[in-house]
Amino acid sequence: MVRNILIGLVVLVVGVVGVAFVLPQQVHVERSIVIGAAPDQVFNVINDLTRSKEWGPWYKRDPKMQLSFEGPPAGVGAKLKWSSATEGDGSQEIVESTAFSSLKTKLDFGDDGTAEAIMTLATTEGGTKVTWGMDTDVGMNPVGRYMGLMFDTWVGKDYEEGLTNLKQLVEAQAQSATNAALASPGTATPPDIPMSAVADASKGPEISTVEARAIILTRASAKAADAAAISAALGAAYQKLLNYGMSNNINVAGAPLAITISHSAEGDWVFDAAMPLDAKPDATVAAADGVKMGETYAGRVVKLTHKGPYNTMGPTYERIHAYTKANNLKEKPISWEEYVSDPAETDELELLTNVYVAIE
């Protein structure tokens, strides 16, 4: 009887071990969520390891967790180490960072092994789809193989919680920035306008190449924080351009433009109001009443579509500047706005404006 029991135990152990070796050695866990913000707004948070504690689920479970940082705070080389009585010890290091697109980190859990995590960002309806995945090799240890079966449940739950925290953080941060911009002195728009009314949250900055276009233009200015003053200045300038076009048989074609000349310390925005033409006139047309012929800039630009009142462009320009900095792009002192929507027929919350900043 004892002999049979021993044989049975041996068979059971062999069977358990044998089954372990047909279980997957490579384990993958993945979760996704849609965040109501542009990819650059999400990326700027996840790419900065010093902000991990603001949304990572592990840090919230142990408020006494000890953290230390090495290297730069963000981007490749940034490294975070942690020590916790409940969450264990380990480190996380950014090994690949593609601006506004993906982030790859190396995880080291000491005796518990290593893993690789990657977060990818993709523009989608409603904002940015963030996918957080982890890959690890559980090795040849039979116990590790069986534990690998539970990773999707264990790690997946943490990833779901972390993505939810990240969503709340980024959306609240974007809303706060929007309200601050709208509440600035001279702003007539109430500060409870939703984020989607100030910036196109579904699309981030993009690089493109524009060609020169024939235009007619005239110099104007207005208080940058005064929506009514901006609208009045633009309206008067464009009427002047239309009158000039009709007087000289010039056909206007395309959305009106405002090319920035300067912003003064007093808050005055000086610009050239311009209108594209369907073709360059055959003969030189004389300047009159401050209106003259010209051409738009030709070359590489960063473009971002702004949605909302004209006097809330600040955050949009800031996003472009953050994008060029993150991508090591050198800006030229040339920028302009293209007014896609007609303010006379469009609610100011729905106004669309393409913002361009020239780059080398």
Protein backbone atom coordinates (compact mmCIF):
# COMPACT_ATOMS: atom_id res chain seq x y z
CA MET A 1 0.00 0.00 0.00
CA VAL A 2 2.76 2.45 0.98
CA ARG A 3 4.65 1.51 -2.19
CA ASN A 4 1.58 2.31 -4.29
CA ILE A 5 1.10 5.65 -2.55
CA LEU A 6 4.74 6.59 -3.18
CA ILE A 7 4.45 5.59 -6.82
CA GLY A 8 1.27 7.66 -7.08
CA LEU A 9 2.98 10.71 -5.59
CA VAL A 10 5.92 10.35 -7.96
CA VAL A 11 3.57 10.10 -10.92
CA LEU A 12 1.65 13.16 -9.67
CA VAL A 13 4.83 15.21 -9.23
CA VAL A 14 6.12 14.17 -12.64
CA GLY A 15 2.76 15.02 -14.15
CA VAL A 16 2.62 18.44 -12.52
CA VAL A 17 6.17 19.22 -13.60
CA GLY A 18 5.53 17.89 -17.07
CA VAL A 19 2.44 20.05 -17.50
CA ALA A 20 4.43 23.09 -16.30
CA PHE A 21 6.84 22.74 -19.18
CA VAL A 22 4.08 22.92 -21.77
CA LEU A 23 2.79 26.15 -20.22
CA PRO A 24 3.90 29.45 -21.86
CA GLN A 25 7.35 30.70 -20.93
CA GLN A 26 6.64 34.17 -22.33
CA VAL A 27 3.82 36.06 -20.57
CA HIS A 28 2.05 39.12 -22.00
CA VAL A 29 -0.40 41.39 -20.16
CA GLU A 30 -2.19 44.32 -21.80
CA ARG A 31 -4.89 46.86 -20.94
CA SER A 32 -6.20 50.00 -22.72
CA ILE A 33 -8.21 53.14 -21.99
CA VAL A 34 -9.26 56.30 -23.87
CA ILE A 35 -8.18 59.60 -22.31
CA GLY A 36 -9.90 62.84 -23.31
CA ALA A 37 -6.71 64.68 -24.22
CA ALA A 38 -4.21 64.85 -27.07
CA PRO A 39 -1.26 62.39 -27.22
CA ASP A 40 1.25 65.09 -26.28
CA GLN A 41 -0.67 65.89 -23.09
CA VAL A 42 -0.64 62.24 -22.04
CA PHE A 43 2.96 61.65 -23.06
CA ASN A 44 4.30 64.58 -21.07
CA VAL A 45 3.00 62.87 -17.91
CA ILE A 46 4.08 59.26 -18.50
CA ASN A 47 7.50 60.28 -19.87
CA ASP A 48 8.34 61.99 -16.56
CA LEU A 49 9.13 59.32 -13.95
CA THR A 50 9.04 61.90 -11.16
CA ARG A 51 5.27 62.01 -11.75
CA SER A 52 4.75 58.24 -11.49
CA LYS A 53 3.53 58.51 -7.91
CA GLU A 54 0.65 60.70 -9.10
CA TRP A 55 -1.01 57.86 -11.01
CA GLY A 56 0.77 54.54 -10.41
CA PRO A 57 -1.41 52.12 -8.37
CA TRP A 58 1.48 50.67 -6.33
CA TYR A 59 2.46 54.00 -4.80
CA LYS A 60 -1.07 54.60 -3.56
CA ARG A 61 -1.13 51.23 -1.80
CA ASP A 62 1.96 52.10 0.22
CA PRO A 63 2.19 55.84 1.01
CA LYS A 64 5.43 55.10 2.93
CA MET A 65 7.17 53.67 -0.13
CA GLN A 66 10.73 55.00 -0.47
CA LEU A 67 11.53 56.42 -3.93
CA SER A 68 14.80 57.59 -5.45
CA PHE A 69 15.69 58.83 -8.93
CA GLU A 70 18.73 58.60 -11.17
CA GLY A 71 19.54 60.29 -14.47
CA PRO A 72 17.24 62.87 -16.08
CA PRO A 73 13.68 63.18 -14.72
CA ALA A 74 12.18 62.29 -18.11
CA GLY A 75 13.08 60.47 -21.31
CA VAL A 76 15.69 57.80 -22.01
CA GLY A 77 17.95 57.22 -19.01
CA ALA A 78 15.42 58.29 -16.40
CA LYS A 79 15.39 55.69 -13.63
CA LEU A 80 13.13 55.22 -10.62
CA LYS A 81 13.94 52.91 -7.69
CA TRP A 82 11.48 51.90 -5.01
CA SER A 83 11.59 50.11 -1.67
CA SER A 84 8.40 49.01 0.05
CA ALA A 85 7.44 46.69 2.89
CA THR A 86 4.33 45.60 0.97
CA GLU A 87 5.23 46.13 -2.71
CA GLY A 88 8.82 44.88 -2.60
CA ASP A 89 11.96 46.48 -4.03
CA GLY A 90 12.80 47.20 -7.64
CA SER A 91 13.54 49.72 -10.35
CA GLN A 92 12.10 51.09 -13.57
CA GLU A 93 14.19 52.70 -16.31
CA ILE A 94 13.09 54.32 -19.58
CA VAL A 95 14.99 52.65 -22.41
CA GLU A 96 13.03 54.00 -25.39
CA SER A 97 11.00 57.22 -25.67
CA THR A 98 9.29 58.26 -28.90
CA ALA A 99 7.64 61.65 -28.40
CA PHE A 100 3.85 61.48 -28.16
CA SER A 101 3.82 57.91 -29.48
CA SER A 102 5.35 55.28 -27.19
CA LEU A 103 7.40 54.67 -24.05
CA LYS A 104 9.33 51.51 -23.20
CA THR A 105 10.69 50.76 -19.74
CA LYS A 106 12.84 48.01 -18.22
CA LEU A 107 11.54 46.66 -14.91
CA ASP A 108 13.81 44.92 -12.41
CA PHE A 109 12.18 43.18 -9.44
CA GLY A 110 15.39 41.76 -8.00
CA ASP A 111 15.04 38.06 -7.13
CA ASP A 112 11.57 38.08 -8.70
CA GLY A 113 12.96 38.67 -12.19
CA THR A 114 12.75 41.32 -14.87
CA ALA A 115 10.15 42.50 -17.36
CA GLU A 116 9.62 44.99 -20.15
CA ALA A 117 6.68 47.39 -20.20
CA ILE A 118 5.52 49.55 -23.09
CA MET A 119 2.85 52.24 -23.33
CA THR A 120 1.60 53.26 -26.77
CA LEU A 121 -0.51 56.30 -27.64
CA ALA A 122 -2.84 56.52 -30.62
CA THR A 123 -5.26 59.24 -31.66
CA THR A 124 -8.84 58.02 -31.56
CA GLU A 125 -12.36 59.36 -31.27
CA GLY A 126 -12.67 61.14 -27.94
CA GLY A 127 -8.95 61.69 -27.39
CA THR A 128 -6.02 59.29 -27.07
CA LYS A 129 -6.10 55.52 -26.73
CA VAL A 130 -3.43 54.48 -24.24
CA THR A 131 -2.35 50.83 -24.29
CA TRP A 132 -0.17 49.56 -21.44
CA GLY A 133 1.49 46.20 -21.91
CA MET A 134 4.07 44.04 -20.13
CA ASP A 135 6.17 41.13 -21.35
CA THR A 136 8.20 38.84 -19.12
CA ASP A 137 10.02 35.50 -19.31
CA VAL A 138 9.06 33.23 -16.40
CA GLY A 139 11.93 30.88 -17.20
CA MET A 140 12.17 27.10 -16.78
CA ASN A 141 11.02 27.00 -13.17
CA PRO A 142 7.76 24.99 -13.00
CA VAL A 143 6.45 27.24 -10.20
CA GLY A 144 7.14 30.28 -12.34
CA ARG A 145 5.27 28.74 -15.26
CA TYR A 146 2.17 28.17 -13.10
CA MET A 147 2.41 31.66 -11.60
CA GLY A 148 2.56 33.03 -15.14
CA LEU A 149 -1.03 31.89 -15.59
CA MET A 150 -2.09 34.40 -12.93
CA PHE A 151 -0.19 37.40 -14.30
CA ASP A 152 -3.04 38.63 -16.44
CA THR A 153 -5.29 38.77 -13.37
CA TRP A 154 -2.72 40.21 -10.97
CA VAL A 155 -0.92 42.67 -13.21
CA GLY A 156 -3.98 43.37 -15.35
CA LYS A 157 -5.87 44.64 -12.32
CA ASP A 158 -3.01 46.99 -11.44
CA TYR A 159 -2.82 48.26 -15.02
CA GLU A 160 -6.55 48.96 -15.10
CA GLU A 161 -6.28 50.94 -11.87
CA GLY A 162 -3.20 52.81 -13.09
CA LEU A 163 -4.79 53.74 -16.42
CA THR A 164 -7.89 55.00 -14.62
CA ASN A 165 -5.69 57.16 -12.36
CA LEU A 166 -3.79 58.45 -15.40
CA LYS A 167 -7.02 59.35 -17.17
CA GLN A 168 -8.29 61.32 -14.19
CA LEU A 169 -4.95 63.10 -13.76
CA VAL A 170 -4.44 64.13 -17.40
CA GLU A 171 -8.03 65.20 -18.00
CA ALA A 172 -8.11 67.24 -14.77
CA GLN A 173 -4.76 68.81 -15.64
CA ALA A 174 -5.96 69.76 -19.13
CA GLN A 175 -9.20 71.19 -17.75
CA SER A 176 -7.32 73.18 -15.11
CA ALA A 177 -5.01 74.70 -17.72
CA THR A 178 -7.98 75.59 -19.87
CA ASN A 179 -9.87 77.26 -17.04
CA ALA A 180 -6.78 79.22 -16.03
CA ALA A 181 -6.39 80.52 -19.56
CA LEU A 182 -10.03 81.48 -19.81
CA ALA A 183 -10.02 83.17 -16.42
CA SER A 184 -7.11 85.47 -17.30
CA PRO A 185 -7.72 89.25 -17.11
CA GLY A 186 -9.66 90.65 -20.02
CA THR A 187 -11.23 87.32 -20.95
CA ALA A 188 -14.95 87.70 -21.44
CA THR A 189 -15.65 83.99 -21.81
CA PRO A 190 -16.81 82.27 -18.57
CA PRO A 191 -14.20 79.92 -16.99
CA ASP A 192 -16.43 76.82 -17.06
CA ILE A 193 -16.00 76.14 -20.78
CA PRO A 194 -15.03 72.47 -21.30
CA MET A 195 -11.55 71.54 -22.49
CA SER A 196 -12.88 70.45 -25.90
CA ALA A 197 -13.95 74.04 -26.56
CA VAL A 198 -10.40 75.35 -26.30
CA ALA A 199 -8.25 72.75 -28.02
CA ASP A 200 -8.87 69.86 -30.37
CA ALA A 201 -8.30 67.03 -27.89
CA SER A 202 -8.48 64.32 -30.58
CA LYS A 203 -5.33 65.39 -32.44
CA GLY A 204 -1.90 66.54 -31.43
CA PRO A 205 0.68 68.69 -33.24
CA GLU A 206 1.92 67.46 -36.62
CA ILE A 207 4.79 68.33 -38.94
CA SER A 208 4.04 69.26 -42.54
CA THR A 209 5.47 71.25 -45.43
CA VAL A 210 3.54 74.21 -46.84
CA GLU A 211 3.97 75.96 -50.17
CA ALA A 212 4.03 79.71 -50.75
CA ARG A 213 0.68 81.24 -51.69
CA ALA A 214 -0.10 84.63 -53.17
CA ILE A 215 -1.88 86.87 -50.66
CA ILE A 216 -3.01 90.42 -50.07
CA LEU A 217 -2.23 91.74 -46.59
CA THR A 218 -2.51 94.71 -44.27
CA ARG A 219 -1.02 95.47 -40.82
CA ALA A 220 -3.32 95.62 -37.74
CA SER A 221 -3.20 95.18 -33.97
CA ALA A 222 -5.39 94.36 -30.96
CA LYS A 223 -5.20 93.53 -27.26
CA ALA A 224 -4.27 89.83 -27.12
CA ALA A 225 -6.56 89.11 -24.14
CA ASP A 226 -9.56 91.02 -25.50
CA ALA A 227 -11.74 88.77 -27.67
CA ALA A 228 -13.96 91.64 -28.79
CA ALA A 229 -10.96 93.76 -29.78
CA ILE A 230 -9.42 90.88 -31.74
CA SER A 231 -12.66 90.19 -33.61
CA ALA A 232 -13.12 93.90 -34.39
CA ALA A 233 -9.54 94.31 -35.64
CA LEU A 234 -9.74 91.19 -37.79
CA GLY A 235 -13.12 92.18 -39.18
CA ALA A 236 -11.97 95.69 -40.12
CA ALA A 237 -8.77 94.39 -41.71
CA TYR A 238 -10.51 91.71 -43.75
CA GLN A 239 -13.11 94.18 -44.99
CA LYS A 240 -10.27 96.41 -46.15
CA LEU A 241 -8.73 93.44 -47.97
CA LEU A 242 -12.02 92.55 -49.63
CA ASN A 243 -12.51 96.10 -50.81
CA TYR A 244 -8.98 96.12 -52.24
CA GLY A 245 -9.60 92.82 -54.01
CA MET A 246 -12.81 94.01 -55.62
CA SER A 247 -11.24 97.31 -56.70
CA ASN A 248 -8.39 95.46 -58.44
CA ASN A 249 -10.35 92.45 -59.78
CA ILE A 250 -8.46 90.07 -57.50
CA ASN A 251 -10.18 86.83 -56.53
CA VAL A 252 -9.84 85.76 -52.91
CA ALA A 253 -9.73 81.98 -52.35
CA GLY A 254 -9.23 80.23 -49.01
CA ALA A 255 -9.53 80.87 -45.30
CA PRO A 256 -8.28 84.26 -44.01
CA LEU A 257 -4.96 84.40 -42.18
CA ALA A 258 -3.33 86.40 -39.39
CA ILE A 259 0.47 86.42 -39.48
CA THR A 260 2.01 87.36 -36.13
CA ILE A 261 4.47 90.24 -36.19
CA SER A 262 4.96 90.76 -32.46
CA HIS A 263 3.48 90.70 -28.97
CA SER A 264 4.35 93.77 -26.93
CA ALA A 265 4.89 94.00 -23.17
CA GLU A 266 1.57 95.85 -22.95
CA GLY A 267 -0.22 92.81 -24.38
CA ASP A 268 -0.73 94.18 -27.89
CA TRP A 269 -0.80 91.62 -30.70
CA VAL A 270 0.54 93.09 -33.95
CA PHE A 271 -0.27 91.06 -37.04
CA ASP A 272 -0.70 91.09 -40.79
CA ALA A 273 -4.25 90.20 -41.75
CA ALA A 274 -4.09 88.33 -45.06
CA MET A 275 -6.29 86.62 -47.61
CA PRO A 276 -5.08 83.94 -50.05
CA LEU A 277 -5.67 84.45 -53.77
CA ASP A 278 -6.69 81.87 -56.35
CA ALA A 279 -3.65 82.87 -58.42
CA LYS A 280 -0.89 85.43 -58.46
CA PRO A 281 -1.99 88.46 -60.54
CA ASP A 282 -0.26 88.74 -63.89
CA ALA A 283 0.60 92.37 -63.43
CA THR A 284 1.88 94.18 -60.35
CA VAL A 285 -0.98 95.72 -58.43
CA ALA A 286 -0.21 98.98 -56.62
CA ALA A 287 -0.52 99.13 -52.85
CA ALA A 288 -3.38 101.24 -51.51
CA ASP A 289 -4.87 102.09 -48.11
CA GLY A 290 -2.23 100.01 -46.34
CA VAL A 291 -2.96 96.91 -48.44
CA LYS A 292 -0.29 95.26 -50.59
CA MET A 293 0.56 92.02 -52.40
CA GLY A 294 2.70 89.31 -50.79
CA GLU A 295 3.32 85.60 -50.30
CA THR A 296 2.95 83.24 -47.39
CA TYR A 297 5.87 81.37 -45.83
CA ALA A 298 7.04 78.20 -47.62
CA GLY A 299 8.72 75.37 -45.74
CA ARG A 300 8.34 73.05 -42.77
CA VAL A 301 5.87 73.86 -40.01
CA VAL A 302 4.25 72.39 -36.94
CA LYS A 303 0.49 72.62 -37.16
CA LEU A 304 -2.16 72.25 -34.46
CA THR A 305 -5.89 72.90 -34.72
CA HIS A 306 -7.37 75.11 -32.01
CA LYS A 307 -11.05 74.92 -31.12
CA GLY A 308 -12.72 77.76 -29.28
CA PRO A 309 -12.46 81.54 -28.76
CA TYR A 310 -9.61 83.45 -30.37
CA ASN A 311 -8.35 84.77 -27.03
CA THR A 312 -7.71 81.26 -25.67
CA MET A 313 -4.90 80.36 -28.07
CA GLY A 314 -2.23 80.40 -25.33
CA PRO A 315 -2.37 76.69 -24.39
CA THR A 316 -2.38 75.74 -28.08
CA TYR A 317 0.87 77.61 -28.71
CA GLU A 318 2.33 76.12 -25.53
CA ARG A 319 1.57 72.63 -26.80
CA ILE A 320 3.34 73.39 -30.08
CA HIS A 321 6.39 74.74 -28.24
CA ALA A 322 6.46 71.62 -26.01
CA TYR A 323 6.25 69.44 -29.12
CA THR A 324 9.13 71.16 -30.91
CA LYS A 325 11.27 71.00 -27.77
CA ALA A 326 10.58 67.30 -27.22
CA ASN A 327 11.44 66.54 -30.86
CA ASN A 328 14.56 68.74 -30.94
CA LEU A 329 13.02 70.98 -33.60
CA LYS A 330 14.28 74.54 -33.99
CA GLU A 331 11.49 77.08 -34.34
CA LYS A 332 11.72 80.07 -36.64
CA PRO A 333 10.23 83.44 -35.56
CA ILE A 334 7.33 82.90 -37.96
CA SER A 335 3.82 81.88 -36.96
CA TRP A 336 0.32 82.44 -38.22
CA GLU A 337 -3.30 81.48 -37.76
CA GLU A 338 -5.74 80.26 -40.38
CA TYR A 339 -9.38 80.94 -39.51
CA VAL A 340 -11.27 77.94 -40.83
CA SER A 341 -14.62 78.96 -39.31
CA ASP A 342 -16.65 82.08 -40.03
CA PRO A 343 -17.19 83.81 -36.63
CA ALA A 344 -20.35 85.43 -37.99
CA GLU A 345 -21.93 82.00 -38.51
CA THR A 346 -20.19 79.84 -35.87
CA ASP A 347 -20.58 79.77 -32.11
CA GLU A 348 -17.27 80.84 -30.53
CA LEU A 349 -16.97 77.50 -28.73
CA GLU A 350 -16.95 75.75 -32.11
CA LEU A 351 -14.54 78.06 -33.93
CA LEU A 352 -11.71 76.15 -35.62
CA THR A 353 -8.34 77.81 -36.17
CA ASN A 354 -5.26 76.16 -37.63
CA VAL A 355 -2.14 77.40 -35.86
CA TYR A 356 1.23 77.18 -37.67
CA VAL A 357 4.75 77.66 -36.32
CA ALA A 358 7.62 77.53 -38.80
CA ILE A 359 10.56 75.19 -38.09
CA GLU A 360 13.95 74.58 -39.70
